Amino acid sequence: MITNPLFRECLANVSDETRAEFNLSFEIADRIDTLLKKKGITQKELAAKMGKRESEISKWLTGRHNFTTKTLAGISLALGEPIISVPA
């Protein structure tokens, strides 16, 4: 939840599309963080499983990363659970 008044004011002045993208990016980061905690996996361990640098995983968890479907699929495989789901 965003509590900084200045940040909220800035967010109120962006387009609906930008706001939706921002929210989705943070939801994905939160999902990854939740799965890491649930499975007791560190960022370093996830990085090793995926052949990435720990700094890249850290960047993902800021909520400011523009994920590709390839990256999301790789994270899902590494964690053994889907990151996002698409309704049928």
Protein backbone atom coordinates (compact mmCIF):
# COMPACT_ATOMS: atom_id res chain seq x y z
CA MET A 1 0.00 0.00 0.00
CA ILE A 2 1.35 3.40 -0.97
CA THR A 3 1.19 5.89 1.88
CA ASN A 4 3.48 8.70 0.70
CA PRO A 5 1.19 11.69 -0.11
CA LEU A 6 3.50 13.12 -2.79
CA PHE A 7 3.76 9.75 -4.50
CA ARG A 8 -0.03 9.36 -4.41
CA GLU A 9 -0.42 12.83 -5.92
CA CYS A 10 2.01 12.01 -8.73
CA LEU A 11 0.27 8.70 -9.38
CA ALA A 12 -3.08 10.48 -9.60
CA ASN A 13 -1.71 12.53 -12.51
CA VAL A 14 -0.71 9.62 -14.75
CA SER A 15 -2.84 7.93 -17.37
CA ASP A 16 -5.03 4.96 -16.49
CA GLU A 17 -2.83 2.76 -18.70
CA THR A 18 0.35 3.81 -16.89
CA ARG A 19 -1.32 3.32 -13.52
CA ALA A 20 -2.50 -0.17 -14.54
CA GLU A 21 1.01 -1.07 -15.72
CA PHE A 22 2.50 0.24 -12.47
CA ASN A 23 0.02 -1.73 -10.35
CA LEU A 24 0.55 -4.95 -12.31
CA SER A 25 4.32 -4.66 -12.03
CA PHE A 26 4.08 -4.27 -8.24
CA GLU A 27 1.62 -7.18 -7.97
CA ILE A 28 4.03 -9.42 -9.87
CA ALA A 29 6.93 -8.37 -7.64
CA ASP A 30 4.78 -9.05 -4.56
CA ARG A 31 3.86 -12.50 -5.91
CA ILE A 32 7.51 -13.40 -6.47
CA ASP A 33 8.44 -12.17 -3.00
CA THR A 34 5.58 -14.13 -1.44
CA LEU A 35 6.66 -17.33 -3.20
CA LEU A 36 10.29 -16.85 -2.18
CA LYS A 37 9.25 -16.53 1.46
CA LYS A 38 6.77 -19.40 1.25
CA LYS A 39 9.40 -21.74 -0.17
CA GLY A 40 12.27 -20.43 1.97
CA ILE A 41 14.30 -19.48 -1.10
CA THR A 42 16.65 -16.50 -1.01
CA GLN A 43 17.17 -14.08 -3.87
CA LYS A 44 20.66 -15.51 -4.23
CA GLU A 45 19.28 -19.06 -4.56
CA LEU A 46 16.71 -17.99 -7.15
CA ALA A 47 19.42 -16.21 -9.10
CA ALA A 48 21.55 -19.37 -9.08
CA LYS A 49 18.60 -21.52 -10.25
CA MET A 50 17.96 -19.14 -13.12
CA GLY A 51 21.54 -18.35 -14.09
CA LYS A 52 21.02 -14.68 -13.18
CA ARG A 53 22.81 -12.22 -10.93
CA GLU A 54 21.34 -11.60 -7.49
CA SER A 55 21.17 -7.89 -8.36
CA GLU A 56 18.77 -8.70 -11.21
CA ILE A 57 16.45 -10.57 -8.84
CA SER A 58 16.63 -7.63 -6.46
CA LYS A 59 15.64 -5.29 -9.30
CA TRP A 60 12.64 -7.50 -10.11
CA LEU A 61 11.42 -7.21 -6.53
CA THR A 62 11.37 -3.40 -6.62
CA GLY A 63 8.24 -3.55 -8.76
CA ARG A 64 9.79 -1.39 -11.48
CA HIS A 65 10.84 -4.15 -13.87
CA ASN A 66 9.07 -4.69 -17.18
CA PHE A 67 8.77 -8.48 -17.19
CA THR A 68 8.75 -10.45 -20.42
CA THR A 69 6.73 -13.63 -20.74
CA LYS A 70 10.05 -15.50 -21.06
CA THR A 71 11.23 -14.13 -17.71
CA LEU A 72 7.90 -14.88 -16.03
CA ALA A 73 7.97 -18.44 -17.37
CA GLY A 74 11.52 -18.91 -16.09
CA ILE A 75 10.63 -17.61 -12.64
CA SER A 76 7.58 -19.88 -12.54
CA LEU A 77 9.70 -22.92 -13.42
CA ALA A 78 12.38 -22.02 -10.88
CA LEU A 79 9.82 -21.56 -8.10
CA GLY A 80 7.57 -24.43 -9.14
CA GLU A 81 4.43 -22.28 -9.14
CA PRO A 82 2.83 -19.86 -11.58
CA ILE A 83 3.58 -16.18 -11.12
CA ILE A 84 0.48 -15.07 -13.01
CA SER A 85 -2.50 -16.91 -14.40
CA VAL A 86 -4.72 -16.19 -17.35
CA PRO A 87 -8.39 -17.15 -17.00
CA ALA A 88 -9.58 -19.70 -19.53
